[in-house]
Amino acid sequence: MSRAVSPWRSAAADTFALVVYCFIVGMAIEILISGMSFSQSLSSRVVSIPVNILIAWPYGRYRDFFIATARRSPRGQFLLRNLADLLAYVSFQSPVYAAILWSVGADGQQILAAVTSNAVISMAMGVVYGYFLEYCRRLFRVVPSPHPSPVQTGDMVDRCSRTW
């Protein structure tokens, strides 16, 4: 892409990715693992939408810093990139998640179970989110990172990009 990407487009891609991903994954964790009721989880997910809208772009930049730091190493790029995704996701999202759960009336035990479960699940899910974020950035035609995800779906991305 020869022209600079608008910061608004980048923010929109990051926001879309975080809102969609956190709604689905958060609800699954809250109901299936933490023992929250559907009503509590739905309340938590509704509260999380404006929060995720506010934090999505700052989180995207925060994650980009971790990824850039990981790229400085000449070895183990795949492993380091995944580790950077994991550390960025858990260190940024855990305090935000705990505050959301507290605000909807989850008790201390539920908060601890949900945040701890989310941190453990993030061993895989934070990395998956990183790939999902890169995919969404490509859909929004935001310049991809120099090390694109190994799970690219070229034809679908091309088709979706042309319709945007």
Foldseek 3Di string as FASTA:
>chain_A
DPDADDVVLLLVLQLVLQLVLCLVVQQCLLVVFLPDDNVLSVQLSVVVNVVSSVCRSVLVVQLVVLLVVLVVDPPDSVVSNLVSLLVSCLVPCLVVSLVSSVVSPDDPSSSVRSSVVCSVVSNPSSSVSVLSSQLSCLLSPHDHDPDHDPPDDPVVSVVSNVVD
